[in-house]
Amino acid sequence: MAAIPPTTADTCKVDQHIDYKNLPLPIPYEELHREALMSLKPEVFEGARFDYNKMLTPNFFLSHSVTMGPTEIPSHSSEVIKIPTSNYEFGANYIDPKLMLIGRISPEGRLNGRFKYDLLDNISLKANGQLTSEPHMSQVMGTIDYKGNDYRAQLQFGSGALLGANYIQSVTPNLSLGGEIFYTGQHRKSGVGYAARYSNDKMVATGQVANTGMIALSYSHKASEKISLATEFMYNYMSRDVTASVGYDAILRQARVRGKVDSNGCVSTFVEERLSPGLGFLLSAELDHGKKDYKFGFGVNVGE
């Protein structure tokens, strides 16, 4: 008797079998909304900006950054008050497969730095900070990252007696679940949060909630190889603040265009255009109709 070939349903059952001992490594907990933020958080600025990068070796390069434009100052009224300012920053950067060192310093003595070192294949050390002569404005944070086969764990400590930890675990090839705890000794506050992330080749959906009152939902959809759409919903059930946003990210032949609009009446767009190898043009705009605050900026990038 001839063998009966397997039906389509039987084949699907075999294909849908999940090997729970070989699940993928999830993304870091702090990057849960990574795809959505690429569209919803364009790097808008106001005024003029000039950036120059000079590569000295394959791993080491210097940077110079000049910005000119208005800066907002604190005000007790609803009116936005701005004063004209200018700033220069010198940067030195070293990057190789195991070590990353990034530093920026301004003439006023404000120093910003980032550090990352892969101590082992599954353990990384990170640090970032800002040092300034202004009282109580210097901040430093350190992080220890550990990654297993299908999970990540992180321990954080920083200024203000900040302590935190988070953990994220893949439970299926597409779904990962995680949680976090933190404590700030300076303000004597603590919190607990939970998160879920579902992703496939076309979309990413995330949800995050914490006992501080924060609820964050985001969804990112890859419409094509070069176009992504995203939406976000933020709600604080203690302050009753709510914001909904939609955004886009389009990669063209020589340009990248990102933008968003939210329920507060804020519309923003950020354009990066590559004029030639080593030369780029930036265009930024943000219209906040609620605050009656309008920002426009342009910039030039020179170097790789």
C-alpha atoms as a PDB file:
ATOM      1  CA  MET A   1       0.000   0.000   0.000  1.00  0.00           C
ATOM      2  CA  ALA A   2       1.345   3.407  -0.954  1.00  0.00           C
ATOM      3  CA  ALA A   3       2.095   5.815   1.890  1.00  0.00           C
ATOM      4  CA  ILE A   4      -0.361   8.665   2.327  1.00  0.00           C
ATOM      5  CA  PRO A   5       1.425  11.998   1.804  1.00  0.00           C
ATOM      6  CA  PRO A   6       1.141  14.510   4.671  1.00  0.00           C
ATOM      7  CA  THR A   7      -1.607  17.090   4.335  1.00  0.00           C
ATOM      8  CA  THR A   8      -1.044  20.834   4.354  1.00  0.00           C
ATOM      9  CA  ALA A   9      -2.383  21.044   7.905  1.00  0.00           C
ATOM     10  CA  ASP A  10       0.104  18.410   9.091  1.00  0.00           C
ATOM     11  CA  THR A  11       2.965  20.340   7.440  1.00  0.00           C
ATOM     12  CA  CYS A  12       1.910  23.581   9.172  1.00  0.00           C
ATOM     13  CA  LYS A  13       1.864  21.819  12.537  1.00  0.00           C
ATOM     14  CA  VAL A  14       5.448  20.647  11.997  1.00  0.00           C
ATOM     15  CA  ASP A  15       6.564  24.137  10.861  1.00  0.00           C
ATOM     16  CA  GLN A  16       4.913  25.790  13.868  1.00  0.00           C
ATOM     17  CA  HIS A  17       6.807  23.690  16.404  1.00  0.00           C
ATOM     18  CA  ILE A  18       8.764  25.984  18.711  1.00  0.00           C
ATOM     19  CA  ASP A  19      12.184  24.990  19.962  1.00  0.00           C
ATOM     20  CA  TYR A  20      12.150  26.644  23.388  1.00  0.00           C
ATOM     21  CA  LYS A  21      15.804  25.699  23.914  1.00  0.00           C
ATOM     22  CA  ASN A  22      16.901  27.772  20.922  1.00  0.00           C
ATOM     23  CA  LEU A  23      15.057  31.092  21.237  1.00  0.00           C
ATOM     24  CA  PRO A  24      16.596  34.317  19.865  1.00  0.00           C
ATOM     25  CA  LEU A  25      18.384  36.879  22.010  1.00  0.00           C
ATOM     26  CA  PRO A  26      16.028  39.822  22.742  1.00  0.00           C
ATOM     27  CA  ILE A  27      17.051  43.446  22.297  1.00  0.00           C
ATOM     28  CA  PRO A  28      18.126  45.413  25.398  1.00  0.00           C
ATOM     29  CA  TYR A  29      15.316  46.468  27.727  1.00  0.00           C
ATOM     30  CA  GLU A  30      15.997  50.190  27.286  1.00  0.00           C
ATOM     31  CA  GLU A  31      15.649  49.781  23.490  1.00  0.00           C
ATOM     32  CA  LEU A  32      12.147  48.265  23.523  1.00  0.00           C
ATOM     33  CA  HIS A  33      10.704  51.127  21.434  1.00  0.00           C
ATOM     34  CA  ARG A  34      13.768  51.446  19.177  1.00  0.00           C
ATOM     35  CA  GLU A  35      12.034  51.115  15.796  1.00  0.00           C
ATOM     36  CA  ALA A  36       9.178  53.472  16.690  1.00  0.00           C
ATOM     37  CA  LEU A  37      11.510  56.118  18.135  1.00  0.00           C
ATOM     38  CA  MET A  38      13.448  56.308  14.869  1.00  0.00           C
ATOM     39  CA  SER A  39      10.323  57.851  13.321  1.00  0.00           C
ATOM     40  CA  LEU A  40       8.780  59.558  16.354  1.00  0.00           C
ATOM     41  CA  LYS A  41      11.882  61.265  17.778  1.00  0.00           C
ATOM     42  CA  PRO A  42      13.577  63.115  14.896  1.00  0.00           C
ATOM     43  CA  GLU A  43      16.715  65.011  15.904  1.00  0.00           C
ATOM     44  CA  VAL A  44      15.211  68.485  15.551  1.00  0.00           C
ATOM     45  CA  PHE A  45      17.238  71.604  16.361  1.00  0.00           C
ATOM     46  CA  GLU A  46      16.906  75.373  15.986  1.00  0.00           C
ATOM     47  CA  GLY A  47      19.270  77.812  14.299  1.00  0.00           C
ATOM     48  CA  ALA A  48      22.435  76.909  12.392  1.00  0.00           C
ATOM     49  CA  ARG A  49      24.710  73.922  12.912  1.00  0.00           C
ATOM     50  CA  PHE A  50      28.067  72.912  11.421  1.00  0.00           C
ATOM     51  CA  ASP A  51      29.746  69.545  12.099  1.00  0.00           C
ATOM     52  CA  TYR A  52      33.186  68.502  10.871  1.00  0.00           C
ATOM     53  CA  ASN A  53      34.643  65.014  11.360  1.00  0.00           C
ATOM     54  CA  LYS A  54      38.272  64.150  10.637  1.00  0.00           C
ATOM     55  CA  MET A  55      39.296  60.482  10.614  1.00  0.00           C
ATOM     56  CA  LEU A  56      42.911  60.001  11.706  1.00  0.00           C
ATOM     57  CA  THR A  57      42.962  56.185  11.811  1.00  0.00           C
ATOM     58  CA  PRO A  58      40.322  53.529  11.067  1.00  0.00           C
ATOM     59  CA  ASN A  59      39.413  53.572  14.794  1.00  0.00           C
ATOM     60  CA  PHE A  60      40.095  57.156  15.859  1.00  0.00           C
ATOM     61  CA  PHE A  61      38.569  60.419  14.628  1.00  0.00           C
ATOM     62  CA  LEU A  62      38.118  63.992  15.832  1.00  0.00           C
ATOM     63  CA  SER A  63      35.038  66.188  15.542  1.00  0.00           C
ATOM     64  CA  HIS A  64      34.221  69.886  15.693  1.00  0.00           C
ATOM     65  CA  SER A  65      30.681  71.162  16.187  1.00  0.00           C
ATOM     66  CA  VAL A  66      29.439  74.753  16.035  1.00  0.00           C
ATOM     67  CA  THR A  67      25.839  75.740  16.809  1.00  0.00           C
ATOM     68  CA  MET A  68      24.179  79.137  16.681  1.00  0.00           C
ATOM     69  CA  GLY A  69      20.586  79.724  17.661  1.00  0.00           C
ATOM     70  CA  PRO A  70      18.138  80.660  20.398  1.00  0.00           C
ATOM     71  CA  THR A  71      17.920  78.778  23.687  1.00  0.00           C
ATOM     72  CA  GLU A  72      14.807  78.520  25.832  1.00  0.00           C
ATOM     73  CA  ILE A  73      15.063  79.797  29.397  1.00  0.00           C
ATOM     74  CA  PRO A  74      12.765  78.816  32.272  1.00  0.00           C
ATOM     75  CA  SER A  75       9.683  81.008  32.677  1.00  0.00           C
ATOM     76  CA  HIS A  76       6.697  81.022  35.045  1.00  0.00           C
ATOM     77  CA  SER A  77       4.389  82.137  32.227  1.00  0.00           C
ATOM     78  CA  SER A  78       3.081  80.044  29.341  1.00  0.00           C
ATOM     79  CA  GLU A  79       5.007  82.223  26.884  1.00  0.00           C
ATOM     80  CA  VAL A  80       8.238  80.717  25.534  1.00  0.00           C
ATOM     81  CA  ILE A  81      11.249  82.988  26.195  1.00  0.00           C
ATOM     82  CA  LYS A  82      14.423  82.542  24.132  1.00  0.00           C
ATOM     83  CA  ILE A  83      17.838  84.188  24.142  1.00  0.00           C
ATOM     84  CA  PRO A  84      20.438  84.022  21.334  1.00  0.00           C
ATOM     85  CA  THR A  85      23.373  81.714  22.051  1.00  0.00           C
ATOM     86  CA  SER A  86      26.283  80.052  20.307  1.00  0.00           C
ATOM     87  CA  ASN A  87      28.353  77.062  21.257  1.00  0.00           C
ATOM     88  CA  TYR A  88      31.427  75.099  20.152  1.00  0.00           C
ATOM     89  CA  GLU A  89      32.309  71.524  21.061  1.00  0.00           C
ATOM     90  CA  PHE A  90      35.465  69.543  20.382  1.00  0.00           C
ATOM     91  CA  GLY A  91      35.183  65.777  20.288  1.00  0.00           C
ATOM     92  CA  ALA A  92      37.514  62.787  20.284  1.00  0.00           C
ATOM     93  CA  ASN A  93      36.242  59.311  19.467  1.00  0.00           C
ATOM     94  CA  TYR A  94      37.801  55.858  19.545  1.00  0.00           C
ATOM     95  CA  ILE A  95      35.789  52.843  18.348  1.00  0.00           C
ATOM     96  CA  ASP A  96      36.837  49.240  17.818  1.00  0.00           C
ATOM     97  CA  PRO A  97      34.941  45.926  18.144  1.00  0.00           C
ATOM     98  CA  LYS A  98      35.506  45.721  21.926  1.00  0.00           C
ATOM     99  CA  LEU A  99      36.019  49.313  23.106  1.00  0.00           C
ATOM    100  CA  MET A 100      34.163  52.572  22.485  1.00  0.00           C
ATOM    101  CA  LEU A 101      35.251  55.958  23.878  1.00  0.00           C
ATOM    102  CA  ILE A 102      33.368  59.144  22.943  1.00  0.00           C
ATOM    103  CA  GLY A 103      34.059  62.554  24.473  1.00  0.00           C
ATOM    104  CA  ARG A 104      32.856  66.136  23.910  1.00  0.00           C
ATOM    105  CA  ILE A 105      34.113  69.277  25.642  1.00  0.00           C
ATOM    106  CA  SER A 106      33.042  72.918  25.327  1.00  0.00           C
ATOM    107  CA  PRO A 107      34.991  76.127  26.095  1.00  0.00           C
ATOM    108  CA  GLU A 108      32.926  76.545  29.286  1.00  0.00           C
ATOM    109  CA  GLY A 109      34.422  73.293  30.594  1.00  0.00           C
ATOM    110  CA  ARG A 110      31.334  71.125  30.131  1.00  0.00           C
ATOM    111  CA  LEU A 111      32.447  67.566  29.407  1.00  0.00           C
ATOM    112  CA  ASN A 112      30.222  64.805  28.052  1.00  0.00           C
ATOM    113  CA  GLY A 113      31.504  61.277  27.686  1.00  0.00           C
ATOM    114  CA  ARG A 114      30.431  57.734  26.843  1.00  0.00           C
ATOM    115  CA  PHE A 115      32.300  54.488  27.465  1.00  0.00           C
ATOM    116  CA  LYS A 116      31.619  50.869  26.492  1.00  0.00           C
ATOM    117  CA  TYR A 117      33.887  47.880  26.930  1.00  0.00           C
ATOM    118  CA  ASP A 118      33.156  44.210  26.219  1.00  0.00           C
ATOM    119  CA  LEU A 119      34.766  42.550  29.206  1.00  0.00           C
ATOM    120  CA  LEU A 120      33.747  39.073  28.010  1.00  0.00           C
ATOM    121  CA  ASP A 121      31.630  37.761  25.163  1.00  0.00           C
ATOM    122  CA  ASN A 122      28.521  38.063  27.340  1.00  0.00           C
ATOM    123  CA  ILE A 123      29.456  40.884  29.764  1.00  0.00           C
ATOM    124  CA  SER A 124      29.744  44.562  28.839  1.00  0.00           C
ATOM    125  CA  LEU A 125      30.563  47.616  30.937  1.00  0.00           C
ATOM    126  CA  LYS A 126      29.028  50.984  30.045  1.00  0.00           C
ATOM    127  CA  ALA A 127      29.268  54.476  31.477  1.00  0.00           C
ATOM    128  CA  ASN A 128      28.082  57.912  30.440  1.00  0.00           C
ATOM    129  CA  GLY A 129      28.245  61.219  32.206  1.00  0.00           C
ATOM    130  CA  GLN A 130      28.279  64.980  32.135  1.00  0.00           C
ATOM    131  CA  LEU A 131      30.743  67.008  34.186  1.00  0.00           C
ATOM    132  CA  THR A 132      30.249  70.751  34.589  1.00  0.00           C
ATOM    133  CA  SER A 133      31.269  73.557  36.933  1.00  0.00           C
ATOM    134  CA  GLU A 134      27.612  74.371  37.665  1.00  0.00           C
ATOM    135  CA  PRO A 135      26.499  73.139  41.095  1.00  0.00           C
ATOM    136  CA  HIS A 136      24.470  69.907  41.164  1.00  0.00           C
ATOM    137  CA  MET A 137      24.513  69.600  37.358  1.00  0.00           C
ATOM    138  CA  SER A 138      27.169  66.891  36.989  1.00  0.00           C
ATOM    139  CA  GLN A 139      25.798  63.393  36.431  1.00  0.00           C
ATOM    140  CA  VAL A 140      27.356  59.966  35.974  1.00  0.00           C
ATOM    141  CA  MET A 141      25.743  56.596  35.300  1.00  0.00           C
ATOM    142  CA  GLY A 142      27.289  53.142  35.040  1.00  0.00           C
ATOM    143  CA  THR A 143      25.821  49.937  33.628  1.00  0.00           C
ATOM    144  CA  ILE A 144      26.739  46.257  33.670  1.00  0.00           C
ATOM    145  CA  ASP A 145      25.137  44.228  30.857  1.00  0.00           C
ATOM    146  CA  TYR A 146      24.875  40.447  30.816  1.00  0.00           C
ATOM    147  CA  LYS A 147      23.426  38.474  27.931  1.00  0.00           C
ATOM    148  CA  GLY A 148      22.561  34.782  27.893  1.00  0.00           C
ATOM    149  CA  ASN A 149      21.366  32.678  24.997  1.00  0.00           C
ATOM    150  CA  ASP A 150      17.781  33.991  25.082  1.00  0.00           C
ATOM    151  CA  TYR A 151      17.753  36.702  27.777  1.00  0.00           C
ATOM    152  CA  ARG A 152      19.450  39.903  28.890  1.00  0.00           C
ATOM    153  CA  ALA A 153      20.016  41.347  32.364  1.00  0.00           C
ATOM    154  CA  GLN A 154      21.270  44.790  33.322  1.00  0.00           C
ATOM    155  CA  LEU A 155      22.394  46.502  36.532  1.00  0.00           C
ATOM    156  CA  GLN A 156      22.508  50.321  36.719  1.00  0.00           C
ATOM    157  CA  PHE A 157      23.942  52.756  39.258  1.00  0.00           C
ATOM    158  CA  GLY A 158      24.463  56.480  39.107  1.00  0.00           C
ATOM    159  CA  SER A 159      24.370  59.930  40.635  1.00  0.00           C
ATOM    160  CA  GLY A 160      21.693  60.747  43.159  1.00  0.00           C
ATOM    161  CA  ALA A 161      22.013  57.268  44.694  1.00  0.00           C
ATOM    162  CA  LEU A 162      20.307  55.760  41.658  1.00  0.00           C
ATOM    163  CA  LEU A 163      20.064  51.970  41.574  1.00  0.00           C
ATOM    164  CA  GLY A 164      18.247  49.952  38.930  1.00  0.00           C
ATOM    165  CA  ALA A 165      17.997  46.542  37.340  1.00  0.00           C
ATOM    166  CA  ASN A 166      16.081  45.076  34.413  1.00  0.00           C
ATOM    167  CA  TYR A 167      15.602  41.678  32.786  1.00  0.00           C
ATOM    168  CA  ILE A 168      14.099  40.641  29.450  1.00  0.00           C
ATOM    169  CA  GLN A 169      13.450  37.089  28.236  1.00  0.00           C
ATOM    170  CA  SER A 170      12.374  35.619  24.905  1.00  0.00           C
ATOM    171  CA  VAL A 171       9.360  33.348  25.474  1.00  0.00           C
ATOM    172  CA  THR A 172       8.700  32.581  21.771  1.00  0.00           C
ATOM    173  CA  PRO A 173      10.643  33.436  18.587  1.00  0.00           C
ATOM    174  CA  ASN A 174       8.563  36.643  18.278  1.00  0.00           C
ATOM    175  CA  LEU A 175       7.561  37.536  21.843  1.00  0.00           C
ATOM    176  CA  SER A 176       9.749  38.752  24.712  1.00  0.00           C
ATOM    177  CA  LEU A 177       8.714  39.793  28.235  1.00  0.00           C
ATOM    178  CA  GLY A 178      10.643  41.795  30.797  1.00  0.00           C
ATOM    179  CA  GLY A 179      10.596  43.870  33.942  1.00  0.00           C
ATOM    180  CA  GLU A 180      12.576  46.516  35.791  1.00  0.00           C
ATOM    181  CA  ILE A 181      13.042  47.969  39.265  1.00  0.00           C
ATOM    182  CA  PHE A 182      14.718  51.215  40.312  1.00  0.00           C
ATOM    183  CA  TYR A 183      15.377  53.334  43.373  1.00  0.00           C
ATOM    184  CA  THR A 184      16.553  56.944  43.654  1.00  0.00           C
ATOM    185  CA  GLY A 185      17.966  57.659  47.077  1.00  0.00           C
ATOM    186  CA  GLN A 186      18.134  61.412  46.480  1.00  0.00           C
ATOM    187  CA  HIS A 187      14.350  61.676  46.051  1.00  0.00           C
ATOM    188  CA  ARG A 188      13.532  58.516  48.049  1.00  0.00           C
ATOM    189  CA  LYS A 189      11.424  57.078  45.250  1.00  0.00           C
ATOM    190  CA  SER A 190      11.223  53.557  43.885  1.00  0.00           C
ATOM    191  CA  GLY A 191       9.417  51.951  40.990  1.00  0.00           C
ATOM    192  CA  VAL A 192       8.581  48.693  39.250  1.00  0.00           C
ATOM    193  CA  GLY A 193       7.816  48.276  35.559  1.00  0.00           C
ATOM    194  CA  TYR A 194       6.826  45.546  33.127  1.00  0.00           C
ATOM    195  CA  ALA A 195       7.129  45.317  29.351  1.00  0.00           C
ATOM    196  CA  ALA A 196       6.203  43.138  26.380  1.00  0.00           C
ATOM    197  CA  ARG A 197       7.476  43.220  22.801  1.00  0.00           C
ATOM    198  CA  TYR A 198       6.207  41.328  19.757  1.00  0.00           C
ATOM    199  CA  SER A 199       8.058  41.533  16.444  1.00  0.00           C
ATOM    200  CA  ASN A 200       8.289  39.906  13.045  1.00  0.00           C
ATOM    201  CA  ASP A 201       9.685  40.859   9.637  1.00  0.00           C
ATOM    202  CA  LYS A 202       7.045  43.564   9.048  1.00  0.00           C
ATOM    203  CA  MET A 203       6.051  45.019  12.418  1.00  0.00           C
ATOM    204  CA  VAL A 204       7.027  45.643  16.034  1.00  0.00           C
ATOM    205  CA  ALA A 205       4.491  46.165  18.828  1.00  0.00           C
ATOM    206  CA  THR A 206       5.537  47.077  22.382  1.00  0.00           C
ATOM    207  CA  GLY A 207       3.787  47.794  25.646  1.00  0.00           C
ATOM    208  CA  GLN A 208       5.227  49.149  28.871  1.00  0.00           C
ATOM    209  CA  VAL A 209       3.669  49.973  32.237  1.00  0.00           C
ATOM    210  CA  ALA A 210       5.113  51.145  35.579  1.00  0.00           C
ATOM    211  CA  ASN A 211       3.755  51.908  39.035  1.00  0.00           C
ATOM    212  CA  THR A 212       4.871  55.516  38.565  1.00  0.00           C
ATOM    213  CA  GLY A 213       1.741  55.945  36.442  1.00  0.00           C
ATOM    214  CA  MET A 214       3.346  55.577  33.019  1.00  0.00           C
ATOM    215  CA  ILE A 215       1.722  53.522  30.257  1.00  0.00           C
ATOM    216  CA  ALA A 216       3.492  53.450  26.870  1.00  0.00           C
ATOM    217  CA  LEU A 217       2.307  51.643  23.740  1.00  0.00           C
ATOM    218  CA  SER A 218       4.039  51.792  20.368  1.00  0.00           C
ATOM    219  CA  TYR A 219       3.645  50.155  16.987  1.00  0.00           C
ATOM    220  CA  SER A 220       6.029  50.281  14.032  1.00  0.00           C
ATOM    221  CA  HIS A 221       5.215  48.906  10.574  1.00  0.00           C
ATOM    222  CA  LYS A 222       7.668  48.414   7.731  1.00  0.00           C
ATOM    223  CA  ALA A 223       5.650  49.428   4.672  1.00  0.00           C
ATOM    224  CA  SER A 224       8.577  48.703   2.338  1.00  0.00           C
ATOM    225  CA  GLU A 225      12.334  48.337   2.426  1.00  0.00           C
ATOM    226  CA  LYS A 226      12.715  52.129   2.624  1.00  0.00           C
ATOM    227  CA  ILE A 227       9.555  53.358   4.350  1.00  0.00           C
ATOM    228  CA  SER A 228       8.504  52.786   7.966  1.00  0.00           C
ATOM    229  CA  LEU A 229       5.439  54.079   9.795  1.00  0.00           C
ATOM    230  CA  ALA A 230       5.031  54.311  13.561  1.00  0.00           C
ATOM    231  CA  THR A 231       2.542  55.342  16.214  1.00  0.00           C
ATOM    232  CA  GLU A 232       2.801  55.835  19.963  1.00  0.00           C
ATOM    233  CA  PHE A 233       0.386  56.287  22.854  1.00  0.00           C
ATOM    234  CA  MET A 234       1.602  57.710  26.184  1.00  0.00           C
ATOM    235  CA  TYR A 235      -0.614  57.971  29.262  1.00  0.00           C
ATOM    236  CA  ASN A 236       0.042  58.812  32.899  1.00  0.00           C
ATOM    237  CA  TYR A 237      -2.862  57.688  35.042  1.00  0.00           C
ATOM    238  CA  MET A 238      -1.670  59.809  37.990  1.00  0.00           C
ATOM    239  CA  SER A 239      -1.348  63.173  36.241  1.00  0.00           C
ATOM    240  CA  ARG A 240      -3.955  62.263  33.562  1.00  0.00           C
ATOM    241  CA  ASP A 241      -1.586  63.453  30.824  1.00  0.00           C
ATOM    242  CA  VAL A 242      -2.091  61.695  27.494  1.00  0.00           C
ATOM    243  CA  THR A 243      -0.306  62.038  24.141  1.00  0.00           C
ATOM    244  CA  ALA A 244      -0.730  60.175  20.862  1.00  0.00           C
ATOM    245  CA  SER A 245       1.778  60.445  18.016  1.00  0.00           C
ATOM    246  CA  VAL A 246       2.175  59.177  14.459  1.00  0.00           C
ATOM    247  CA  GLY A 247       5.397  59.354  12.467  1.00  0.00           C
ATOM    248  CA  TYR A 248       7.255  58.198   9.381  1.00  0.00           C
ATOM    249  CA  ASP A 249      10.791  57.367   8.294  1.00  0.00           C
ATOM    250  CA  ALA A 250      11.577  57.395   4.573  1.00  0.00           C
ATOM    251  CA  ILE A 251      14.989  56.574   3.101  1.00  0.00           C
ATOM    252  CA  LEU A 252      15.332  58.004  -0.403  1.00  0.00           C
ATOM    253  CA  ARG A 253      18.159  57.683  -2.919  1.00  0.00           C
ATOM    254  CA  GLN A 254      20.265  60.470  -1.396  1.00  0.00           C
ATOM    255  CA  ALA A 255      18.179  61.616   1.559  1.00  0.00           C
ATOM    256  CA  ARG A 256      16.382  60.470   4.669  1.00  0.00           C
ATOM    257  CA  VAL A 257      13.180  62.172   5.823  1.00  0.00           C
ATOM    258  CA  ARG A 258      11.641  61.678   9.282  1.00  0.00           C
ATOM    259  CA  GLY A 259       8.701  63.396  10.883  1.00  0.00           C
ATOM    260  CA  LYS A 260       5.822  63.181  13.318  1.00  0.00           C
ATOM    261  CA  VAL A 261       2.621  64.858  14.449  1.00  0.00           C
ATOM    262  CA  ASP A 262       1.105  64.470  17.926  1.00  0.00           C
ATOM    263  CA  SER A 263      -2.161  65.188  19.696  1.00  0.00           C
ATOM    264  CA  ASN A 264      -0.708  68.319  21.364  1.00  0.00           C
ATOM    265  CA  GLY A 265      -0.516  70.054  18.005  1.00  0.00           C
ATOM    266  CA  CYS A 266       3.226  69.602  17.512  1.00  0.00           C
ATOM    267  CA  VAL A 267       4.458  68.830  13.974  1.00  0.00           C
ATOM    268  CA  SER A 268       8.125  68.162  13.241  1.00  0.00           C
ATOM    269  CA  THR A 269      10.274  67.141  10.266  1.00  0.00           C
ATOM    270  CA  PHE A 270      13.957  66.324   9.950  1.00  0.00           C
ATOM    271  CA  VAL A 271      15.723  65.932   6.587  1.00  0.00           C
ATOM    272  CA  GLU A 272      19.227  64.546   6.036  1.00  0.00           C
ATOM    273  CA  GLU A 273      20.506  64.858   2.462  1.00  0.00           C
ATOM    274  CA  ARG A 274      23.800  63.523   1.159  1.00  0.00           C
ATOM    275  CA  LEU A 275      25.048  66.057  -1.379  1.00  0.00           C
ATOM    276  CA  SER A 276      28.275  64.174  -2.142  1.00  0.00           C
ATOM    277  CA  PRO A 277      30.624  61.745  -0.366  1.00  0.00           C
ATOM    278  CA  GLY A 278      31.653  63.458   2.863  1.00  0.00           C
ATOM    279  CA  LEU A 279      29.152  66.318   2.560  1.00  0.00           C
ATOM    280  CA  GLY A 280      25.625  66.373   3.991  1.00  0.00           C
ATOM    281  CA  PHE A 281      22.871  68.933   4.451  1.00  0.00           C
ATOM    282  CA  LEU A 282      20.406  69.029   7.389  1.00  0.00           C
ATOM    283  CA  LEU A 283      17.023  70.706   7.533  1.00  0.00           C
ATOM    284  CA  SER A 284      14.888  70.779  10.694  1.00  0.00           C
ATOM    285  CA  ALA A 285      11.470  72.210  11.515  1.00  0.00           C
ATOM    286  CA  GLU A 286       9.122  71.940  14.501  1.00  0.00           C
ATOM    287  CA  LEU A 287       5.790  73.737  14.857  1.00  0.00           C
ATOM    288  CA  ASP A 288       4.275  73.523  18.328  1.00  0.00           C
ATOM    289  CA  HIS A 289       0.864  75.121  17.842  1.00  0.00           C
ATOM    290  CA  GLY A 290      -0.149  74.487  21.454  1.00  0.00           C
ATOM    291  CA  LYS A 291       2.761  76.492  22.913  1.00  0.00           C
ATOM    292  CA  LYS A 292       3.035  78.810  19.897  1.00  0.00           C
ATOM    293  CA  ASP A 293       6.679  77.826  19.624  1.00  0.00           C
ATOM    294  CA  TYR A 294       8.174  77.485  16.134  1.00  0.00           C
ATOM    295  CA  LYS A 295      11.673  76.175  15.460  1.00  0.00           C
ATOM    296  CA  PHE A 296      13.612  76.099  12.203  1.00  0.00           C
ATOM    297  CA  GLY A 297      17.180  75.003  11.642  1.00  0.00           C
ATOM    298  CA  PHE A 298      19.681  74.051   8.962  1.00  0.00           C
ATOM    299  CA  GLY A 299      23.102  72.489   9.124  1.00  0.00           C
ATOM    300  CA  VAL A 300      26.040  71.075   7.215  1.00  0.00           C
ATOM    301  CA  ASN A 301      28.013  67.889   7.885  1.00  0.00           C
ATOM    302  CA  VAL A 302      31.554  67.589   6.498  1.00  0.00           C
ATOM    303  CA  GLY A 303      33.599  64.414   6.755  1.00  0.00           C
ATOM    304  CA  GLU A 304      32.758  60.762   7.291  1.00  0.00           C
END
